[in-house]
Amino acid sequence: MTVLWIILLIGIGTYLMRMVPFVLVSNLRLPAWLDRYLQKIPYAAMGALIFPGILHADTSGIWPGLFGGIAAAAAILLTRNIWVTVLVAIFAAAGTKLFY
């Protein structure tokens, strides 16, 4: 029974930590320049998460991940299709492993 109370209290704590800031700022109007700045944060965070993964995708070196990342960037710009992009990146990285 103690484990259930711990799980319940942790769930309530997590919920409150996420909802209280949302409720406090839901009616707050931000200046236009700050709103534009905050809208770019998810893209910057995604880049910060993806780029190190590209460089450390393979233990033998950075080339397979780097070529896969470049191929993925080109594929998404040309096709706008996530499935094509994923397949192109996989084949580019795997192809690099064949020659590297």
Foldseek 3Di string as FASTA:
>chain_A
DVVVVVVVVVVVVVVCVPVVVCVVCVPPDDDPVVVVVVVCVVVVVVCVVVVVCLQPVDPVGNVLSVQLVVQLVVCCVPPVDVVSSVVRSVCSSVVVVVVD
